Amino acid sequence: MSYTHTITANLSYADAVERTKQALSDQGFGVLSEIDVRSTFENKLGTDAADEIGDYVILGACNPGLAQRGLTAEPDLGTLLPCNVVVRRGPLPDTTVVQAIDPQTMVDISGTAAVRDVADDANTRLRAALAQLPSAGA
């Protein structure tokens, strides 16, 4: 089972980060956290490790309404939040890979109907956000 939704976007890395944030916002998600993996690797592991991973950011995306519904139904669900979205350098210049967690993984772990409903809604919204980005396959 794949646990991500992935596209390769015809965008530079910097453009992909900004356009991904906007696409998430358009679907009601805010970015609660932003982890610059390359910078972290450089600071903690050195330049070689940073260069090996390349441009790579993890965005912690949260839709407050969905989070409220999920946490009300199952307080332990907070251990699986926020929804992570990765933006990383692509295989070719001017392409960037954008990946979002498949919220159905929460259903696999929880199994409750309320969590299934929230995951279905989150899944629809995350897929719509990715669909806003210009895909290399299009």
N, C-alpha and C. Protein backbone atom coordinates (compact mmCIF):
# COMPACT_ATOMS: atom_id res chain seq x y z
N MET A 1 0.83 -1.19 0.00
CA MET A 1 0.00 0.00 0.00
C MET A 1 0.87 1.24 0.00
N SER A 2 0.57 2.16 -0.88
CA SER A 2 1.26 3.44 -0.89
C SER A 2 0.65 4.32 0.21
N TYR A 3 1.47 5.05 0.89
CA TYR A 3 0.97 5.92 1.94
C TYR A 3 1.11 7.39 1.60
N THR A 4 1.37 7.66 0.30
CA THR A 4 1.46 9.06 -0.14
C THR A 4 0.72 9.25 -1.46
N HIS A 5 0.38 10.50 -1.70
CA HIS A 5 -0.07 10.95 -3.01
C HIS A 5 1.10 11.78 -3.55
N THR A 6 1.56 11.47 -4.74
CA THR A 6 2.78 12.07 -5.27
C THR A 6 2.56 12.62 -6.67
N ILE A 7 3.10 13.82 -6.90
CA ILE A 7 3.16 14.35 -8.26
C ILE A 7 4.55 14.92 -8.48
N THR A 8 4.95 14.98 -9.73
CA THR A 8 6.15 15.71 -10.12
C THR A 8 5.66 16.95 -10.84
N ALA A 9 5.98 18.11 -10.28
CA ALA A 9 5.50 19.38 -10.80
C ALA A 9 6.53 20.04 -11.70
N ASN A 10 6.05 20.68 -12.74
CA ASN A 10 6.91 21.45 -13.63
C ASN A 10 7.15 22.82 -13.02
N LEU A 11 7.84 22.84 -11.92
CA LEU A 11 8.13 24.08 -11.20
C LEU A 11 9.52 23.98 -10.59
N SER A 12 10.17 25.11 -10.46
CA SER A 12 11.41 25.14 -9.69
C SER A 12 11.06 24.83 -8.23
N TYR A 13 12.06 24.46 -7.47
CA TYR A 13 11.82 24.13 -6.06
C TYR A 13 11.17 25.29 -5.31
N ALA A 14 11.72 26.49 -5.44
CA ALA A 14 11.18 27.65 -4.71
C ALA A 14 9.73 27.92 -5.12
N ASP A 15 9.46 27.86 -6.41
CA ASP A 15 8.08 28.08 -6.87
C ASP A 15 7.15 26.98 -6.35
N ALA A 16 7.63 25.75 -6.34
CA ALA A 16 6.81 24.63 -5.88
C ALA A 16 6.45 24.78 -4.41
N VAL A 17 7.39 25.23 -3.60
CA VAL A 17 7.10 25.43 -2.17
C VAL A 17 6.00 26.47 -2.02
N GLU A 18 6.14 27.60 -2.67
CA GLU A 18 5.13 28.66 -2.54
C GLU A 18 3.78 28.25 -3.12
N ARG A 19 3.78 27.62 -4.28
CA ARG A 19 2.52 27.21 -4.91
C ARG A 19 1.85 26.10 -4.10
N THR A 20 2.64 25.22 -3.48
CA THR A 20 2.06 24.17 -2.63
C THR A 20 1.40 24.78 -1.41
N LYS A 21 2.05 25.74 -0.78
CA LYS A 21 1.45 26.42 0.38
C LYS A 21 0.13 27.08 -0.01
N GLN A 22 0.11 27.74 -1.17
CA GLN A 22 -1.11 28.40 -1.63
C GLN A 22 -2.20 27.38 -1.93
N ALA A 23 -1.84 26.28 -2.58
CA ALA A 23 -2.82 25.24 -2.91
C ALA A 23 -3.40 24.63 -1.64
N LEU A 24 -2.57 24.44 -0.64
CA LEU A 24 -3.06 23.92 0.65
C LEU A 24 -4.02 24.94 1.28
N SER A 25 -3.65 26.19 1.25
CA SER A 25 -4.51 27.24 1.80
C SER A 25 -5.85 27.28 1.08
N ASP A 26 -5.83 27.12 -0.23
CA ASP A 26 -7.07 27.12 -1.01
C ASP A 26 -8.01 25.99 -0.59
N GLN A 27 -7.44 24.94 0.01
CA GLN A 27 -8.24 23.80 0.46
C GLN A 27 -8.50 23.84 1.97
N GLY A 28 -8.20 24.97 2.59
CA GLY A 28 -8.51 25.15 4.01
C GLY A 28 -7.44 24.69 4.97
N PHE A 29 -6.23 24.39 4.45
CA PHE A 29 -5.13 23.97 5.32
C PHE A 29 -4.21 25.15 5.61
N GLY A 30 -3.76 25.23 6.84
CA GLY A 30 -2.71 26.15 7.20
C GLY A 30 -1.43 25.36 7.38
N VAL A 31 -0.29 26.00 7.25
CA VAL A 31 0.99 25.33 7.47
C VAL A 31 1.44 25.68 8.88
N LEU A 32 1.37 24.69 9.76
CA LEU A 32 1.73 24.89 11.18
C LEU A 32 3.22 24.80 11.42
N SER A 33 3.89 24.02 10.57
CA SER A 33 5.33 23.86 10.74
C SER A 33 5.98 23.72 9.37
N GLU A 34 7.24 24.11 9.31
CA GLU A 34 8.01 24.00 8.07
C GLU A 34 9.42 23.58 8.47
N ILE A 35 9.79 22.38 8.08
CA ILE A 35 11.10 21.84 8.42
C ILE A 35 11.96 21.83 7.17
N ASP A 36 13.01 22.62 7.19
CA ASP A 36 13.96 22.66 6.09
C ASP A 36 14.98 21.54 6.34
N VAL A 37 14.75 20.40 5.71
CA VAL A 37 15.57 19.21 5.96
C VAL A 37 17.01 19.45 5.51
N ARG A 38 17.17 20.07 4.35
CA ARG A 38 18.54 20.34 3.86
C ARG A 38 19.34 21.15 4.87
N SER A 39 18.74 22.22 5.37
CA SER A 39 19.42 23.08 6.34
C SER A 39 19.72 22.33 7.64
N THR A 40 18.76 21.53 8.08
CA THR A 40 18.95 20.74 9.30
C THR A 40 20.10 19.75 9.12
N PHE A 41 20.11 19.06 7.98
CA PHE A 41 21.20 18.11 7.71
C PHE A 41 22.54 18.83 7.67
N GLU A 42 22.57 20.00 7.03
CA GLU A 42 23.82 20.73 6.95
C GLU A 42 24.33 21.11 8.34
N ASN A 43 23.42 21.59 9.20
CA ASN A 43 23.81 21.99 10.55
C ASN A 43 24.20 20.82 11.43
N LYS A 44 23.53 19.69 11.28
CA LYS A 44 23.75 18.56 12.17
C LYS A 44 24.69 17.48 11.62
N LEU A 45 24.70 17.34 10.27
CA LEU A 45 25.45 16.23 9.68
C LEU A 45 26.53 16.67 8.69
N GLY A 46 26.50 17.95 8.30
CA GLY A 46 27.52 18.45 7.39
C GLY A 46 27.01 18.66 5.97
N THR A 47 27.83 19.33 5.19
CA THR A 47 27.48 19.71 3.83
C THR A 47 27.22 18.52 2.93
N ASP A 48 28.02 17.46 3.06
CA ASP A 48 27.83 16.29 2.20
C ASP A 48 26.44 15.69 2.38
N ALA A 49 25.99 15.57 3.61
CA ALA A 49 24.65 15.01 3.88
C ALA A 49 23.57 15.93 3.32
N ALA A 50 23.77 17.24 3.45
CA ALA A 50 22.80 18.21 2.92
C ALA A 50 22.75 18.14 1.40
N ASP A 51 23.91 18.04 0.77
CA ASP A 51 23.95 17.97 -0.69
C ASP A 51 23.33 16.67 -1.19
N GLU A 52 23.49 15.60 -0.45
CA GLU A 52 22.92 14.32 -0.87
C GLU A 52 21.39 14.36 -0.88
N ILE A 53 20.78 14.98 0.13
CA ILE A 53 19.32 15.05 0.18
C ILE A 53 18.81 16.17 -0.71
N GLY A 54 19.57 17.24 -0.85
CA GLY A 54 19.16 18.36 -1.70
C GLY A 54 18.04 19.17 -1.08
N ASP A 55 17.41 19.97 -1.90
CA ASP A 55 16.31 20.82 -1.43
C ASP A 55 15.16 19.92 -0.99
N TYR A 56 14.70 20.12 0.24
CA TYR A 56 13.70 19.21 0.81
C TYR A 56 13.07 19.91 2.01
N VAL A 57 11.75 20.10 1.95
CA VAL A 57 11.04 20.73 3.06
C VAL A 57 9.83 19.87 3.42
N ILE A 58 9.55 19.79 4.71
CA ILE A 58 8.36 19.10 5.20
C ILE A 58 7.42 20.16 5.77
N LEU A 59 6.23 20.25 5.17
CA LEU A 59 5.22 21.20 5.63
C LEU A 59 4.21 20.45 6.48
N GLY A 60 3.97 20.92 7.68
CA GLY A 60 2.95 20.35 8.56
C GLY A 60 1.64 21.07 8.32
N ALA A 61 0.76 20.45 7.51
CA ALA A 61 -0.49 21.10 7.10
C ALA A 61 -1.65 20.66 7.99
N CYS A 62 -2.49 21.62 8.36
CA CYS A 62 -3.63 21.32 9.22
C CYS A 62 -4.86 22.10 8.76
N ASN A 63 -5.95 21.38 8.64
CA ASN A 63 -7.25 21.99 8.41
C ASN A 63 -7.95 21.98 9.76
N PRO A 64 -8.13 23.14 10.40
CA PRO A 64 -8.64 23.16 11.77
C PRO A 64 -9.98 22.44 11.94
N GLY A 65 -10.89 22.60 10.99
CA GLY A 65 -12.19 21.94 11.11
C GLY A 65 -12.07 20.43 11.09
N LEU A 66 -11.23 19.92 10.19
CA LEU A 66 -11.02 18.48 10.13
C LEU A 66 -10.31 17.97 11.39
N ALA A 67 -9.32 18.72 11.84
CA ALA A 67 -8.60 18.32 13.06
C ALA A 67 -9.54 18.28 14.26
N GLN A 68 -10.42 19.27 14.36
CA GLN A 68 -11.37 19.30 15.48
C GLN A 68 -12.29 18.09 15.43
N ARG A 69 -12.81 17.78 14.25
CA ARG A 69 -13.68 16.60 14.11
C ARG A 69 -12.94 15.31 14.47
N GLY A 70 -11.73 15.18 13.99
CA GLY A 70 -10.95 13.97 14.25
C GLY A 70 -10.59 13.83 15.72
N LEU A 71 -10.13 14.91 16.33
CA LEU A 71 -9.71 14.84 17.73
C LEU A 71 -10.90 14.66 18.67
N THR A 72 -12.05 15.20 18.30
CA THR A 72 -13.26 14.99 19.10
C THR A 72 -13.66 13.52 19.07
N ALA A 73 -13.55 12.92 17.90
CA ALA A 73 -13.93 11.51 17.74
C ALA A 73 -12.91 10.59 18.40
N GLU A 74 -11.65 10.96 18.29
CA GLU A 74 -10.58 10.09 18.80
C GLU A 74 -9.39 10.94 19.22
N PRO A 75 -9.29 11.28 20.51
CA PRO A 75 -8.22 12.17 20.97
C PRO A 75 -6.80 11.69 20.64
N ASP A 76 -6.60 10.39 20.56
CA ASP A 76 -5.27 9.86 20.24
C ASP A 76 -4.84 10.18 18.82
N LEU A 77 -5.77 10.61 17.99
CA LEU A 77 -5.47 10.92 16.60
C LEU A 77 -4.42 12.03 16.48
N GLY A 78 -4.29 12.82 17.52
CA GLY A 78 -3.30 13.90 17.51
C GLY A 78 -1.88 13.42 17.27
N THR A 79 -1.61 12.16 17.57
CA THR A 79 -0.27 11.63 17.32
C THR A 79 0.00 11.49 15.82
N LEU A 80 -1.03 11.54 15.00
CA LEU A 80 -0.88 11.41 13.55
C LEU A 80 -1.02 12.74 12.82
N LEU A 81 -1.18 13.82 13.56
CA LEU A 81 -1.37 15.14 12.96
C LEU A 81 -0.11 15.99 13.15
N PRO A 82 0.14 17.00 12.35
CA PRO A 82 -0.63 17.40 11.18
C PRO A 82 -0.34 16.50 10.00
N CYS A 83 -1.02 16.76 8.89
CA CYS A 83 -0.77 16.02 7.65
C CYS A 83 0.54 16.55 7.06
N ASN A 84 1.50 15.68 6.86
CA ASN A 84 2.76 16.12 6.28
C ASN A 84 2.70 16.17 4.76
N VAL A 85 3.27 17.24 4.24
CA VAL A 85 3.39 17.43 2.80
C VAL A 85 4.87 17.72 2.55
N VAL A 86 5.48 16.95 1.66
CA VAL A 86 6.89 17.09 1.35
C VAL A 86 7.05 17.74 -0.01
N VAL A 87 7.96 18.70 -0.09
CA VAL A 87 8.35 19.30 -1.36
C VAL A 87 9.86 19.08 -1.45
N ARG A 88 10.27 18.39 -2.53
CA ARG A 88 11.69 18.06 -2.68
C ARG A 88 12.11 18.15 -4.13
N ARG A 89 13.41 18.32 -4.31
CA ARG A 89 13.92 18.48 -5.67
C ARG A 89 13.51 17.29 -6.53
N GLY A 90 13.24 17.56 -7.78
CA GLY A 90 12.82 16.52 -8.70
C GLY A 90 13.98 15.88 -9.42
N PRO A 91 13.66 14.90 -10.25
CA PRO A 91 14.71 14.19 -10.97
C PRO A 91 15.36 15.00 -12.10
N LEU A 92 14.67 16.03 -12.57
CA LEU A 92 15.17 16.89 -13.65
C LEU A 92 15.17 18.34 -13.19
N PRO A 93 16.01 19.18 -13.81
CA PRO A 93 15.95 20.61 -13.48
C PRO A 93 14.54 21.15 -13.74
N ASP A 94 14.12 22.06 -12.94
CA ASP A 94 12.80 22.69 -13.05
C ASP A 94 11.65 21.71 -12.83
N THR A 95 11.92 20.62 -12.12
CA THR A 95 10.84 19.75 -11.66
C THR A 95 11.02 19.56 -10.16
N THR A 96 9.91 19.41 -9.50
CA THR A 96 9.91 19.24 -8.05
C THR A 96 8.87 18.19 -7.70
N VAL A 97 9.23 17.31 -6.79
CA VAL A 97 8.31 16.27 -6.33
C VAL A 97 7.55 16.83 -5.13
N VAL A 98 6.23 16.67 -5.17
CA VAL A 98 5.37 17.09 -4.06
C VAL A 98 4.59 15.87 -3.62
N GLN A 99 4.66 15.56 -2.33
CA GLN A 99 4.00 14.39 -1.78
C GLN A 99 3.19 14.77 -0.55
N ALA A 100 2.00 14.21 -0.46
CA ALA A 100 1.15 14.42 0.72
C ALA A 100 0.85 13.05 1.31
N ILE A 101 0.78 13.00 2.61
CA ILE A 101 0.38 11.76 3.28
C ILE A 101 -1.01 11.38 2.81
N ASP A 102 -1.24 10.11 2.60
CA ASP A 102 -2.58 9.63 2.30
C ASP A 102 -3.32 9.50 3.62
N PRO A 103 -4.33 10.34 3.87
CA PRO A 103 -5.03 10.29 5.15
C PRO A 103 -5.69 8.94 5.45
N GLN A 104 -5.84 8.11 4.43
CA GLN A 104 -6.42 6.79 4.67
C GLN A 104 -5.54 5.94 5.59
N THR A 105 -4.27 6.31 5.75
CA THR A 105 -3.42 5.58 6.68
C THR A 105 -3.94 5.74 8.11
N MET A 106 -4.59 6.87 8.39
CA MET A 106 -5.19 7.06 9.72
C MET A 106 -6.33 6.07 9.93
N VAL A 107 -7.07 5.79 8.87
CA VAL A 107 -8.18 4.85 8.95
C VAL A 107 -7.64 3.45 9.20
N ASP A 108 -6.55 3.11 8.54
CA ASP A 108 -5.94 1.80 8.74
C ASP A 108 -5.52 1.60 10.19
N ILE A 109 -5.07 2.66 10.82
CA ILE A 109 -4.63 2.58 12.21
C ILE A 109 -5.81 2.62 13.17
N SER A 110 -6.77 3.50 12.92
CA SER A 110 -7.89 3.71 13.83
C SER A 110 -9.05 2.75 13.59
N GLY A 111 -9.55 2.77 12.37
CA GLY A 111 -10.67 1.91 12.03
C GLY A 111 -12.04 2.43 12.42
N THR A 112 -12.13 3.62 13.04
CA THR A 112 -13.44 4.12 13.45
C THR A 112 -14.11 4.87 12.30
N ALA A 113 -15.43 4.85 12.29
CA ALA A 113 -16.21 5.50 11.23
C ALA A 113 -15.97 7.01 11.21
N ALA A 114 -15.87 7.63 12.38
CA ALA A 114 -15.67 9.08 12.43
C ALA A 114 -14.32 9.46 11.82
N VAL A 115 -13.30 8.69 12.11
CA VAL A 115 -11.98 8.96 11.54
C VAL A 115 -12.01 8.71 10.04
N ARG A 116 -12.76 7.71 9.60
CA ARG A 116 -12.89 7.44 8.16
C ARG A 116 -13.49 8.65 7.45
N ASP A 117 -14.52 9.25 8.03
CA ASP A 117 -15.16 10.42 7.43
C ASP A 117 -14.19 11.59 7.33
N VAL A 118 -13.44 11.84 8.39
CA VAL A 118 -12.46 12.93 8.39
C VAL A 118 -11.36 12.64 7.36
N ALA A 119 -10.89 11.40 7.33
CA ALA A 119 -9.82 11.03 6.39
C ALA A 119 -10.30 11.17 4.94
N ASP A 120 -11.54 10.80 4.69
CA ASP A 120 -12.08 10.94 3.33
C ASP A 120 -12.09 12.40 2.90
N ASP A 121 -12.52 13.28 3.80
CA ASP A 121 -12.57 14.72 3.51
C ASP A 121 -11.15 15.26 3.31
N ALA A 122 -10.24 14.91 4.21
CA ALA A 122 -8.85 15.37 4.10
C ALA A 122 -8.22 14.86 2.80
N ASN A 123 -8.51 13.62 2.46
CA ASN A 123 -7.97 13.03 1.24
C ASN A 123 -8.43 13.81 0.01
N THR A 124 -9.70 14.12 -0.05
CA THR A 124 -10.24 14.89 -1.17
C THR A 124 -9.56 16.24 -1.28
N ARG A 125 -9.38 16.90 -0.14
CA ARG A 125 -8.77 18.23 -0.13
C ARG A 125 -7.29 18.20 -0.51
N LEU A 126 -6.55 17.21 0.01
CA LEU A 126 -5.13 17.12 -0.32
C LEU A 126 -4.93 16.79 -1.80
N ARG A 127 -5.75 15.89 -2.33
CA ARG A 127 -5.66 15.57 -3.76
C ARG A 127 -5.98 16.80 -4.62
N ALA A 128 -6.97 17.57 -4.18
CA ALA A 128 -7.32 18.80 -4.92
C ALA A 128 -6.17 19.80 -4.88
N ALA A 129 -5.49 19.91 -3.74
CA ALA A 129 -4.35 20.82 -3.64
C ALA A 129 -3.25 20.38 -4.61
N LEU A 130 -2.94 19.10 -4.65
CA LEU A 130 -1.91 18.61 -5.56
C LEU A 130 -2.31 18.83 -7.02
N ALA A 131 -3.59 18.68 -7.29
CA ALA A 131 -4.08 18.85 -8.66
C ALA A 131 -3.93 20.30 -9.16
N GLN A 132 -3.77 21.26 -8.24
CA GLN A 132 -3.60 22.65 -8.63
C GLN A 132 -2.20 22.92 -9.18
N LEU A 133 -1.26 22.02 -8.93
CA LEU A 133 0.12 22.23 -9.36
C LEU A 133 0.31 21.70 -10.78
N PRO A 134 1.12 22.39 -11.60
CA PRO A 134 1.32 21.92 -12.97
C PRO A 134 2.15 20.64 -13.00
N SER A 135 1.53 19.55 -13.35
CA SER A 135 2.17 18.24 -13.32
C SER A 135 3.06 18.02 -14.53
N ALA A 136 4.18 17.35 -14.32
CA ALA A 136 5.09 17.02 -15.41
C ALA A 136 4.46 16.01 -16.35
N GLY A 137 3.44 15.29 -15.86
CA GLY A 137 2.74 14.31 -16.69
C GLY A 137 1.65 14.91 -17.54
N ALA A 138 1.35 16.19 -17.32
CA ALA A 138 0.25 16.84 -18.06
C ALA A 138 0.71 17.46 -19.35
